[in-house]
């Protein structure tokens, strides 16, 4: 992957998975840590988030930054500004990930629902293994139409959509992932 000059470098987790940096994600992680340390609505959250984002923009000569290095940087900033008590609570999960159901359906081919479900199961397992806590499954409508080879939405499409939703819920529930947020769109 390539990070463009004005953009942030990608983050790489221990498994090798690459993630795009998201300031909202970092803001939420710092907010959670500050809340746990006894600083609800901490007034420096915005400033620390902006500082880290600025630092990452300066590092645009490196297209990929290890996730652990970003985490160390945030901890260092918290120590330097005198908020050591927040440091042990800063445990961010990898940023939110989007997974295109339509792309999986295209891979499987029109009418090949079994291949679709098999690939979807493998992708969910891979995401779960990275430690991600938010997954956005996008393209459900287009996915269903592609798998059915339908130009217009039908009752059979409704049934397949429900089958996909139930399948995803089942796979996520089977992994004891109480903290995983999943959004189907």
C-alpha atoms as a PDB file:
ATOM      1  CA  UNK A   1       0.000   0.000   0.000  1.00  0.00           C
ATOM      2  CA  UNK A   2       1.092   3.576  -0.601  1.00  0.00           C
ATOM      3  CA  UNK A   3       0.477   6.551   1.685  1.00  0.00           C
ATOM      4  CA  UNK A   4       0.219   9.784  -0.268  1.00  0.00           C
ATOM      5  CA  UNK A   5       2.160  12.884   0.789  1.00  0.00           C
ATOM      6  CA  UNK A   6      -0.744  14.706   2.473  1.00  0.00           C
ATOM      7  CA  UNK A   7      -2.155  11.608   4.101  1.00  0.00           C
ATOM      8  CA  UNK A   8      -1.376   9.602   7.189  1.00  0.00           C
ATOM      9  CA  UNK A   9       0.780   6.505   7.038  1.00  0.00           C
ATOM     10  CA  UNK A  10      -0.984   3.176   7.418  1.00  0.00           C
ATOM     11  CA  UNK A  11      -0.838   1.346  10.734  1.00  0.00           C
ATOM     12  CA  UNK A  12       0.349  -2.269  10.838  1.00  0.00           C
ATOM     13  CA  UNK A  13      -0.759  -4.554  13.673  1.00  0.00           C
ATOM     14  CA  UNK A  14       1.238  -7.561  14.874  1.00  0.00           C
ATOM     15  CA  UNK A  15      -0.550  -9.902  12.455  1.00  0.00           C
ATOM     16  CA  UNK A  16       0.582  -7.760   9.496  1.00  0.00           C
ATOM     17  CA  UNK A  17      -2.897  -6.361   8.802  1.00  0.00           C
ATOM     18  CA  UNK A  18      -2.823  -2.740   7.585  1.00  0.00           C
ATOM     19  CA  UNK A  19      -5.267  -0.114   8.847  1.00  0.00           C
ATOM     20  CA  UNK A  20      -5.936   3.471   7.896  1.00  0.00           C
ATOM     21  CA  UNK A  21      -5.357   5.972  10.678  1.00  0.00           C
ATOM     22  CA  UNK A  22      -8.580   7.561  11.919  1.00  0.00           C
ATOM     23  CA  UNK A  23      -8.488  10.542  14.293  1.00  0.00           C
ATOM     24  CA  UNK A  24     -11.956   9.702  15.675  1.00  0.00           C
ATOM     25  CA  UNK A  25     -10.710   6.247  16.602  1.00  0.00           C
ATOM     26  CA  UNK A  26      -7.662   7.680  18.402  1.00  0.00           C
ATOM     27  CA  UNK A  27      -9.821  10.299  20.136  1.00  0.00           C
ATOM     28  CA  UNK A  28     -12.162   7.559  21.390  1.00  0.00           C
ATOM     29  CA  UNK A  29      -9.222   5.447  22.652  1.00  0.00           C
ATOM     30  CA  UNK A  30      -7.735   8.397  24.566  1.00  0.00           C
ATOM     31  CA  UNK A  31     -11.174   9.298  25.949  1.00  0.00           C
ATOM     32  CA  UNK A  32     -11.690   5.722  27.220  1.00  0.00           C
ATOM     33  CA  UNK A  33      -8.263   5.727  28.884  1.00  0.00           C
ATOM     34  CA  UNK A  34      -8.850   9.118  30.522  1.00  0.00           C
ATOM     35  CA  UNK A  35     -12.295   8.033  31.763  1.00  0.00           C
ATOM     36  CA  UNK A  36     -10.813   4.869  33.313  1.00  0.00           C
ATOM     37  CA  UNK A  37      -8.119   6.972  34.995  1.00  0.00           C
ATOM     38  CA  UNK A  38     -10.744   9.215  36.567  1.00  0.00           C
ATOM     39  CA  UNK A  39     -10.788  12.077  34.055  1.00  0.00           C
ATOM     40  CA  UNK A  40     -14.265  12.059  32.506  1.00  0.00           C
ATOM     41  CA  UNK A  41     -14.540  14.584  29.647  1.00  0.00           C
ATOM     42  CA  UNK A  42     -10.799  15.217  29.860  1.00  0.00           C
ATOM     43  CA  UNK A  43     -10.064  18.654  28.475  1.00  0.00           C
ATOM     44  CA  UNK A  44      -6.793  17.652  26.766  1.00  0.00           C
ATOM     45  CA  UNK A  45      -8.169  14.802  24.652  1.00  0.00           C
ATOM     46  CA  UNK A  46      -8.619  16.970  21.556  1.00  0.00           C
ATOM     47  CA  UNK A  47      -5.156  18.485  21.914  1.00  0.00           C
ATOM     48  CA  UNK A  48      -3.390  15.145  22.385  1.00  0.00           C
ATOM     49  CA  UNK A  49      -5.284  13.648  19.424  1.00  0.00           C
ATOM     50  CA  UNK A  50      -4.340  16.585  17.191  1.00  0.00           C
ATOM     51  CA  UNK A  51      -0.705  16.389  18.314  1.00  0.00           C
ATOM     52  CA  UNK A  52      -0.460  12.701  17.445  1.00  0.00           C
ATOM     53  CA  UNK A  53      -2.163  13.301  14.074  1.00  0.00           C
ATOM     54  CA  UNK A  54       0.309  16.114  13.332  1.00  0.00           C
ATOM     55  CA  UNK A  55       3.200  13.831  14.269  1.00  0.00           C
ATOM     56  CA  UNK A  56       1.919  11.130  11.904  1.00  0.00           C
ATOM     57  CA  UNK A  57       1.561  13.653   9.068  1.00  0.00           C
ATOM     58  CA  UNK A  58       5.224  14.577   9.575  1.00  0.00           C
ATOM     59  CA  UNK A  59       6.161  10.900   9.241  1.00  0.00           C
ATOM     60  CA  UNK A  60       4.758  10.661   5.729  1.00  0.00           C
ATOM     61  CA  UNK A  61       8.155   9.492   4.486  1.00  0.00           C
ATOM     62  CA  UNK A  62       7.226   6.163   6.107  1.00  0.00           C
ATOM     63  CA  UNK A  63       4.162   4.636   4.411  1.00  0.00           C
ATOM     64  CA  UNK A  64       3.568   2.203   7.300  1.00  0.00           C
ATOM     65  CA  UNK A  65       3.931   2.703  11.052  1.00  0.00           C
ATOM     66  CA  UNK A  66       3.717  -0.264  13.429  1.00  0.00           C
ATOM     67  CA  UNK A  67       0.631  -0.125  15.621  1.00  0.00           C
ATOM     68  CA  UNK A  68       2.795  -0.688  18.702  1.00  0.00           C
ATOM     69  CA  UNK A  69       4.901   2.356  17.797  1.00  0.00           C
ATOM     70  CA  UNK A  70       1.808   4.576  17.616  1.00  0.00           C
ATOM     71  CA  UNK A  71       0.700   3.235  20.991  1.00  0.00           C
ATOM     72  CA  UNK A  72       4.134   3.969  22.493  1.00  0.00           C
ATOM     73  CA  UNK A  73       4.017   7.486  21.074  1.00  0.00           C
ATOM     74  CA  UNK A  74       0.661   8.206  22.687  1.00  0.00           C
ATOM     75  CA  UNK A  75       1.911   6.841  26.016  1.00  0.00           C
ATOM     76  CA  UNK A  76       5.035   8.974  25.749  1.00  0.00           C
ATOM     77  CA  UNK A  77       2.998  12.131  25.053  1.00  0.00           C
ATOM     78  CA  UNK A  78       0.761  11.400  28.061  1.00  0.00           C
ATOM     79  CA  UNK A  79       3.842  11.011  30.283  1.00  0.00           C
ATOM     80  CA  UNK A  80       5.512  14.176  28.978  1.00  0.00           C
ATOM     81  CA  UNK A  81       2.450  16.313  29.697  1.00  0.00           C
ATOM     82  CA  UNK A  82       2.222  14.898  33.218  1.00  0.00           C
ATOM     83  CA  UNK A  83      -0.686  12.470  33.001  1.00  0.00           C
ATOM     84  CA  UNK A  84       1.113   9.205  33.844  1.00  0.00           C
ATOM     85  CA  UNK A  85      -2.026   7.820  35.481  1.00  0.00           C
ATOM     86  CA  UNK A  86      -3.740   7.612  32.066  1.00  0.00           C
ATOM     87  CA  UNK A  87      -0.903   5.610  30.469  1.00  0.00           C
ATOM     88  CA  UNK A  88      -1.774   2.154  31.894  1.00  0.00           C
ATOM     89  CA  UNK A  89      -5.364   2.561  30.680  1.00  0.00           C
ATOM     90  CA  UNK A  90      -4.420   3.350  27.079  1.00  0.00           C
ATOM     91  CA  UNK A  91      -5.046   0.028  25.319  1.00  0.00           C
ATOM     92  CA  UNK A  92      -6.374   0.797  21.857  1.00  0.00           C
ATOM     93  CA  UNK A  93      -7.689  -1.913  19.587  1.00  0.00           C
ATOM     94  CA  UNK A  94      -6.886  -1.672  15.885  1.00  0.00           C
ATOM     95  CA  UNK A  95      -8.942   0.977  14.046  1.00  0.00           C
ATOM     96  CA  UNK A  96     -12.358   0.125  12.567  1.00  0.00           C
ATOM     97  CA  UNK A  97     -12.263  -2.023   9.453  1.00  0.00           C
ATOM     98  CA  UNK A  98     -14.657  -2.027   6.512  1.00  0.00           C
ATOM     99  CA  UNK A  99     -15.356  -5.297   4.722  1.00  0.00           C
ATOM    100  CA  UNK A 100     -17.182  -5.189   1.400  1.00  0.00           C
ATOM    101  CA  UNK A 101     -19.754  -7.950   1.104  1.00  0.00           C
ATOM    102  CA  UNK A 102     -20.192  -7.051  -2.561  1.00  0.00           C
ATOM    103  CA  UNK A 103     -16.490  -7.705  -3.256  1.00  0.00           C
ATOM    104  CA  UNK A 104     -16.776 -11.109  -1.579  1.00  0.00           C
ATOM    105  CA  UNK A 105     -19.882 -11.849  -3.668  1.00  0.00           C
ATOM    106  CA  UNK A 106     -18.032 -10.856  -6.852  1.00  0.00           C
ATOM    107  CA  UNK A 107     -15.177 -13.169  -5.871  1.00  0.00           C
ATOM    108  CA  UNK A 108     -17.634 -16.008  -5.332  1.00  0.00           C
ATOM    109  CA  UNK A 109     -19.517 -15.338  -8.562  1.00  0.00           C
ATOM    110  CA  UNK A 110     -23.223 -14.909  -9.223  1.00  0.00           C
ATOM    111  CA  UNK A 111     -25.257 -17.792  -7.863  1.00  0.00           C
ATOM    112  CA  UNK A 112     -22.431 -19.239  -5.783  1.00  0.00           C
ATOM    113  CA  UNK A 113     -23.777 -18.642  -2.301  1.00  0.00           C
ATOM    114  CA  UNK A 114     -21.770 -21.478  -0.731  1.00  0.00           C
ATOM    115  CA  UNK A 115     -18.506 -19.958  -1.938  1.00  0.00           C
ATOM    116  CA  UNK A 116     -19.673 -16.571  -0.656  1.00  0.00           C
ATOM    117  CA  UNK A 117     -20.436 -17.879   2.834  1.00  0.00           C
ATOM    118  CA  UNK A 118     -17.165 -19.803   2.981  1.00  0.00           C
ATOM    119  CA  UNK A 119     -15.126 -16.718   2.028  1.00  0.00           C
ATOM    120  CA  UNK A 120     -17.115 -14.506   4.401  1.00  0.00           C
ATOM    121  CA  UNK A 121     -16.463 -16.912   7.270  1.00  0.00           C
ATOM    122  CA  UNK A 122     -12.717 -16.871   6.544  1.00  0.00           C
ATOM    123  CA  UNK A 123     -12.611 -13.055   6.356  1.00  0.00           C
ATOM    124  CA  UNK A 124     -14.481 -12.699   9.647  1.00  0.00           C
ATOM    125  CA  UNK A 125     -12.079 -15.165  11.303  1.00  0.00           C
ATOM    126  CA  UNK A 126      -9.099 -13.187   9.977  1.00  0.00           C
ATOM    127  CA  UNK A 127     -10.502  -9.912  11.296  1.00  0.00           C
ATOM    128  CA  UNK A 128     -11.247 -11.435  14.686  1.00  0.00           C
ATOM    129  CA  UNK A 129      -7.685 -12.745  14.931  1.00  0.00           C
ATOM    130  CA  UNK A 130      -6.285  -9.210  14.436  1.00  0.00           C
ATOM    131  CA  UNK A 131      -8.044  -7.961  17.564  1.00  0.00           C
ATOM    132  CA  UNK A 132     -10.165  -5.401  15.742  1.00  0.00           C
ATOM    133  CA  UNK A 133     -13.171  -4.288  17.788  1.00  0.00           C
ATOM    134  CA  UNK A 134     -15.246  -2.538  15.117  1.00  0.00           C
ATOM    135  CA  UNK A 135     -16.154  -3.988  11.733  1.00  0.00           C
ATOM    136  CA  UNK A 136     -18.341  -2.325   9.126  1.00  0.00           C
ATOM    137  CA  UNK A 137     -19.781  -4.829   6.666  1.00  0.00           C
ATOM    138  CA  UNK A 138     -20.790  -2.740   3.674  1.00  0.00           C
ATOM    139  CA  UNK A 139     -22.554  -3.407   0.399  1.00  0.00           C
ATOM    140  CA  UNK A 140     -25.170  -5.846   1.692  1.00  0.00           C
ATOM    141  CA  UNK A 141     -27.857  -4.765  -0.782  1.00  0.00           C
ATOM    142  CA  UNK A 142     -25.554  -4.975  -3.809  1.00  0.00           C
ATOM    143  CA  UNK A 143     -24.135  -8.277  -2.537  1.00  0.00           C
ATOM    144  CA  UNK A 144     -27.564  -9.899  -2.313  1.00  0.00           C
ATOM    145  CA  UNK A 145     -28.599  -8.701  -5.782  1.00  0.00           C
ATOM    146  CA  UNK A 146     -25.331  -9.973  -7.247  1.00  0.00           C
ATOM    147  CA  UNK A 147     -25.592 -13.402  -5.622  1.00  0.00           C
ATOM    148  CA  UNK A 148     -29.173 -13.766  -6.873  1.00  0.00           C
ATOM    149  CA  UNK A 149     -28.376 -12.311 -10.273  1.00  0.00           C
ATOM    150  CA  UNK A 150     -31.346  -9.981  -9.724  1.00  0.00           C
ATOM    151  CA  UNK A 151     -31.757  -6.592 -11.357  1.00  0.00           C
ATOM    152  CA  UNK A 152     -34.626  -5.679  -9.034  1.00  0.00           C
ATOM    153  CA  UNK A 153     -35.111  -6.538  -5.368  1.00  0.00           C
ATOM    154  CA  UNK A 154     -37.346  -9.557  -4.759  1.00  0.00           C
ATOM    155  CA  UNK A 155     -38.692 -11.568  -1.829  1.00  0.00           C
ATOM    156  CA  UNK A 156     -35.927 -14.085  -2.462  1.00  0.00           C
ATOM    157  CA  UNK A 157     -33.488 -11.199  -1.959  1.00  0.00           C
ATOM    158  CA  UNK A 158     -35.119 -10.456   1.410  1.00  0.00           C
ATOM    159  CA  UNK A 159     -34.617 -14.073   2.445  1.00  0.00           C
ATOM    160  CA  UNK A 160     -30.945 -14.094   1.392  1.00  0.00           C
ATOM    161  CA  UNK A 161     -30.310 -10.792   3.154  1.00  0.00           C
ATOM    162  CA  UNK A 162     -31.716 -12.254   6.379  1.00  0.00           C
ATOM    163  CA  UNK A 163     -29.627 -15.389   5.886  1.00  0.00           C
ATOM    164  CA  UNK A 164     -26.454 -13.299   5.569  1.00  0.00           C
ATOM    165  CA  UNK A 165     -27.318 -11.216   8.645  1.00  0.00           C
ATOM    166  CA  UNK A 166     -28.002 -14.357  10.704  1.00  0.00           C
ATOM    167  CA  UNK A 167     -24.795 -15.967   9.439  1.00  0.00           C
ATOM    168  CA  UNK A 168     -22.696 -12.950  10.482  1.00  0.00           C
ATOM    169  CA  UNK A 169     -24.359 -12.815  13.909  1.00  0.00           C
ATOM    170  CA  UNK A 170     -23.765 -16.536  14.406  1.00  0.00           C
ATOM    171  CA  UNK A 171     -20.079 -16.298  13.460  1.00  0.00           C
ATOM    172  CA  UNK A 172     -19.492 -13.328  15.720  1.00  0.00           C
ATOM    173  CA  UNK A 173     -21.412 -14.840  18.644  1.00  0.00           C
ATOM    174  CA  UNK A 174     -19.434 -18.070  18.311  1.00  0.00           C
ATOM    175  CA  UNK A 175     -16.199 -16.192  18.973  1.00  0.00           C
ATOM    176  CA  UNK A 176     -17.146 -14.799  22.420  1.00  0.00           C
ATOM    177  CA  UNK A 177     -16.688 -11.281  21.141  1.00  0.00           C
ATOM    178  CA  UNK A 178     -18.723  -9.188  23.555  1.00  0.00           C
ATOM    179  CA  UNK A 179     -16.645  -6.122  22.643  1.00  0.00           C
ATOM    180  CA  UNK A 180     -16.901  -6.430  18.846  1.00  0.00           C
ATOM    181  CA  UNK A 181     -19.168  -3.900  17.175  1.00  0.00           C
ATOM    182  CA  UNK A 182     -20.482  -4.888  13.782  1.00  0.00           C
ATOM    183  CA  UNK A 183     -22.504  -2.703  11.456  1.00  0.00           C
ATOM    184  CA  UNK A 184     -24.171  -4.162   8.349  1.00  0.00           C
ATOM    185  CA  UNK A 185     -24.949  -1.635   5.604  1.00  0.00           C
END
